[in-house]
Amino acid sequence: MQRRPLLALAVFSPLGTMLVTPAFAAAGVGQAAPDFTLMDTTGKPVKLSDFKGKTVVLEWNNPGCPFVRKHYQGNMQALQKEATGQGAVWLAINSTRDDSADYQTPPQLGRWMTEKGASPTATLMDEDGKVGEAYAARVTPHMYIVNPQGVLVYAGGIDSIPSARVDDIPKATNYVRQGLNELRAGKPLSVATSRAYGCSIKYRNGAA
């Protein structure tokens, strides 16, 4: 079975980090979100389809990435709290291969999230990268929204300014917040896809 081609732009940040930004996700906005089961950082299995009937946010995460650290200066935690407080489910997913310098064990990643005051519904481990590849997640943070019917309605960046500067957060349009607000209002998303930015995911097969 042939894989759909990815339209992508690769550039280098001032920090020397490669940014790979696919124009769309292989999962296909407007199509059913691929189901998956992953273990959380406490060893409990979490299945996406168990949340059907609720809006689900998927956040690809890697604490070693400066773009992730930018958004964990308080922005990501506030967004998680806001989303889950309004009934959405938030799943943070780490697809870093286990021999990468950026890899954190489940206890380490769980501890980092706690130290940062994060409040996702669950933090999930995807060491073999199969879930990340199913969604064509290429960078951290790469963001997705699944509607209550299980359809992928957003794929792309967290916001409109692709930088690692914390000062840019308040100036940017937060596409995740905007999409969640539009879903709650029963409106179609005004931005359903955008170019994700961040650090390339260190997949086991070197796909990113």
Protein backbone atom coordinates (compact mmCIF):
# COMPACT_ATOMS: atom_id res chain seq x y z
CA MET A 1 0.00 0.00 0.00
CA GLN A 2 1.50 3.30 -1.06
CA ARG A 3 1.82 6.08 1.45
CA ARG A 4 0.52 9.48 0.54
CA PRO A 5 3.31 11.94 -0.25
CA LEU A 6 4.01 14.63 2.31
CA LEU A 7 4.45 18.21 1.27
CA ALA A 8 7.08 19.52 3.64
CA LEU A 9 9.36 22.44 4.28
CA ALA A 10 12.64 21.90 6.10
CA VAL A 11 14.51 24.88 7.53
CA PHE A 12 16.93 25.49 10.37
CA SER A 13 16.15 27.54 13.44
CA PRO A 14 18.65 29.98 14.95
CA LEU A 15 19.33 27.24 17.50
CA GLY A 16 20.43 24.87 14.74
CA THR A 17 17.42 22.60 15.23
CA MET A 18 15.95 21.16 12.06
CA LEU A 19 12.31 22.03 11.56
CA VAL A 20 10.29 19.67 9.39
CA THR A 21 6.85 20.98 8.63
CA PRO A 22 4.43 18.76 6.71
CA ALA A 23 1.54 20.53 5.02
CA PHE A 24 -0.95 17.85 6.08
CA ALA A 25 -1.18 14.73 8.20
CA ALA A 26 -1.29 11.23 6.71
CA ALA A 27 -4.26 10.55 8.99
CA GLY A 28 -6.26 13.00 6.87
CA VAL A 29 -8.22 15.93 8.30
CA GLY A 30 -11.89 15.17 7.77
CA GLN A 31 -11.32 11.42 8.12
CA ALA A 32 -11.59 9.08 11.08
CA ALA A 33 -8.65 9.50 13.46
CA PRO A 34 -6.57 6.28 13.60
CA ASP A 35 -7.36 4.40 16.79
CA PHE A 36 -4.54 3.38 19.09
CA THR A 37 -3.75 1.97 22.51
CA LEU A 38 -0.64 3.21 24.34
CA MET A 39 0.65 2.82 27.87
CA ASP A 40 0.73 5.94 30.02
CA THR A 41 3.69 6.81 32.22
CA THR A 42 2.20 4.74 35.08
CA GLY A 43 1.82 1.62 32.91
CA LYS A 44 -1.92 1.94 32.33
CA PRO A 45 -3.27 1.31 28.79
CA VAL A 46 -5.12 4.23 27.21
CA LYS A 47 -7.24 3.71 24.08
CA LEU A 48 -8.28 6.64 21.88
CA SER A 49 -11.66 5.18 20.92
CA ASP A 50 -12.63 4.95 24.60
CA PHE A 51 -13.05 8.73 24.45
CA LYS A 52 -15.54 8.76 21.58
CA GLY A 53 -18.18 11.35 22.38
CA LYS A 54 -15.54 13.77 23.67
CA THR A 55 -13.18 16.17 21.93
CA VAL A 56 -9.58 14.91 22.13
CA VAL A 57 -6.39 16.94 21.75
CA LEU A 58 -3.21 15.07 20.81
CA GLU A 59 0.08 16.77 21.66
CA TRP A 60 3.40 15.31 20.51
CA ASN A 61 5.89 16.02 23.26
CA ASN A 62 9.65 15.85 23.88
CA PRO A 63 11.04 17.69 26.93
CA GLY A 64 14.46 17.93 25.27
CA CYS A 65 13.10 20.19 22.53
CA PRO A 66 13.46 23.98 22.97
CA PHE A 67 10.14 24.54 21.22
CA VAL A 68 8.39 22.27 23.73
CA ARG A 69 10.18 24.03 26.58
CA LYS A 70 9.02 27.37 25.15
CA HIS A 71 5.39 26.32 25.40
CA TYR A 72 5.88 24.73 28.83
CA GLN A 73 6.80 28.14 30.25
CA GLY A 74 3.11 28.20 31.20
CA ASN A 75 1.32 28.30 27.86
CA MET A 76 0.80 24.56 27.34
CA GLN A 77 -0.25 23.94 30.94
CA ALA A 78 -2.85 26.73 30.77
CA LEU A 79 -4.19 25.35 27.50
CA GLN A 80 -4.39 21.81 28.92
CA LYS A 81 -6.24 23.03 32.00
CA GLU A 82 -8.61 25.13 29.92
CA ALA A 83 -9.38 22.28 27.52
CA THR A 84 -9.89 19.57 30.14
CA GLY A 85 -11.89 21.98 32.31
CA GLN A 86 -14.34 22.33 29.43
CA GLY A 87 -14.71 18.57 29.00
CA ALA A 88 -12.04 17.78 26.42
CA VAL A 89 -9.48 14.97 26.74
CA TRP A 90 -5.79 15.87 26.33
CA LEU A 91 -3.28 13.15 25.45
CA ALA A 92 0.42 14.06 25.42
CA ILE A 93 2.38 11.53 23.34
CA ASN A 94 6.14 10.95 23.26
CA SER A 95 7.42 9.02 20.20
CA THR A 96 11.16 9.44 20.92
CA ARG A 97 13.06 6.20 20.34
CA ASP A 98 14.58 4.69 23.44
CA ASP A 99 18.22 4.99 22.29
CA SER A 100 17.98 8.75 21.65
CA ALA A 101 19.67 11.25 23.95
CA ASP A 102 16.26 12.92 24.29
CA TYR A 103 14.52 9.74 25.47
CA GLN A 104 13.00 9.76 28.93
CA THR A 105 11.74 6.65 30.68
CA PRO A 106 8.06 6.63 31.67
CA PRO A 107 8.86 7.61 35.30
CA GLN A 108 11.21 10.38 34.12
CA LEU A 109 8.66 11.79 31.68
CA GLY A 110 5.88 11.56 34.26
CA ARG A 111 8.07 13.37 36.78
CA TRP A 112 8.93 16.11 34.24
CA MET A 113 5.24 16.70 33.50
CA THR A 114 4.47 16.89 37.23
CA GLU A 115 7.35 19.30 37.86
CA LYS A 116 6.06 21.52 35.06
CA GLY A 117 2.56 21.57 36.55
CA ALA A 118 1.12 20.01 33.41
CA SER A 119 -2.39 18.61 33.45
CA PRO A 120 -2.99 16.39 30.41
CA THR A 121 -5.53 13.61 30.82
CA ALA A 122 -2.65 11.18 30.21
CA THR A 123 0.99 11.18 29.08
CA LEU A 124 1.60 8.29 26.69
CA MET A 125 4.68 6.36 25.54
CA ASP A 126 5.09 5.54 21.82
CA GLU A 127 8.70 4.32 21.72
CA ASP A 128 8.21 2.27 18.55
CA GLY A 129 6.73 5.33 16.83
CA LYS A 130 3.79 3.53 15.24
CA VAL A 131 1.19 6.01 16.48
CA GLY A 132 3.31 8.99 15.53
CA GLU A 133 3.78 7.60 12.04
CA ALA A 134 0.05 6.88 11.69
CA TYR A 135 -0.61 10.58 12.29
CA ALA A 136 2.48 11.75 10.34
CA ALA A 137 3.63 13.61 13.45
CA ARG A 138 6.99 15.05 12.49
CA VAL A 139 7.87 17.61 15.14
CA THR A 140 7.37 18.47 18.78
CA PRO A 141 4.99 19.98 19.50
CA HIS A 142 2.76 18.66 16.67
CA MET A 143 -0.91 19.17 17.53
CA TYR A 144 -4.15 17.42 16.50
CA ILE A 145 -7.81 17.77 17.44
CA VAL A 146 -10.29 14.88 17.17
CA ASN A 147 -13.98 15.77 17.39
CA PRO A 148 -16.54 13.85 19.48
CA GLN A 149 -17.43 11.73 16.43
CA GLY A 150 -13.84 10.50 16.19
CA VAL A 151 -12.99 12.61 13.13
CA LEU A 152 -9.67 14.43 12.85
CA VAL A 153 -10.55 18.13 12.48
CA TYR A 154 -7.18 19.83 13.04
CA ALA A 155 -3.55 18.96 12.33
CA GLY A 156 -0.58 21.30 12.54
CA GLY A 157 1.20 23.80 14.73
CA ILE A 158 0.13 25.00 18.14
CA ASP A 159 0.15 28.59 16.92
CA SER A 160 0.95 30.98 14.09
CA ILE A 161 4.48 32.12 14.98
CA PRO A 162 7.13 29.41 14.38
CA SER A 163 9.79 30.42 16.87
CA ALA A 164 11.35 29.23 20.12
CA ARG A 165 10.90 32.66 21.74
CA VAL A 166 8.54 32.80 24.70
CA ASP A 167 7.83 36.47 23.92
CA ASP A 168 6.09 35.41 20.69
CA ILE A 169 3.39 33.38 22.48
CA PRO A 170 1.02 36.28 23.29
CA LYS A 171 1.41 37.71 19.77
CA ALA A 172 0.46 34.46 18.02
CA THR A 173 -2.92 33.00 17.10
CA ASN A 174 -3.24 29.78 19.11
CA TYR A 175 -4.79 27.40 16.57
CA VAL A 176 -5.62 24.77 19.20
CA ARG A 177 -7.52 27.17 21.45
CA GLN A 178 -9.25 28.70 18.42
CA GLY A 179 -10.24 25.28 17.09
CA LEU A 180 -11.59 24.09 20.45
CA ASN A 181 -13.65 27.26 20.84
CA GLU A 182 -15.10 26.87 17.34
CA LEU A 183 -15.96 23.21 17.98
CA ARG A 184 -17.80 24.11 21.17
CA ALA A 185 -19.72 26.78 19.28
CA GLY A 186 -20.74 24.23 16.63
CA LYS A 187 -18.75 26.00 13.92
CA PRO A 188 -16.35 24.52 11.35
CA LEU A 189 -12.72 25.20 12.15
CA SER A 190 -11.50 28.33 10.39
CA VAL A 191 -7.98 26.82 10.33
CA ALA A 192 -8.06 23.03 9.92
CA THR A 193 -4.42 22.55 8.91
CA SER A 194 -1.27 24.56 9.45
CA ARG A 195 2.46 24.00 9.23
CA ALA A 196 3.73 22.46 12.44
CA TYR A 197 7.05 23.69 13.77
CA GLY A 198 9.50 22.35 16.31
CA CYS A 199 12.19 19.70 16.71
CA SER A 200 12.08 16.67 14.45
CA ILE A 201 10.85 13.53 16.23
CA LYS A 202 13.58 10.93 16.79
CA TYR A 203 11.77 7.88 15.40
CA ARG A 204 13.17 4.39 15.77
CA ASN A 205 13.22 3.91 11.99
CA GLY A 206 14.61 7.38 11.33
CA ALA A 207 11.44 8.44 9.46
CA ALA A 208 11.48 12.04 10.67
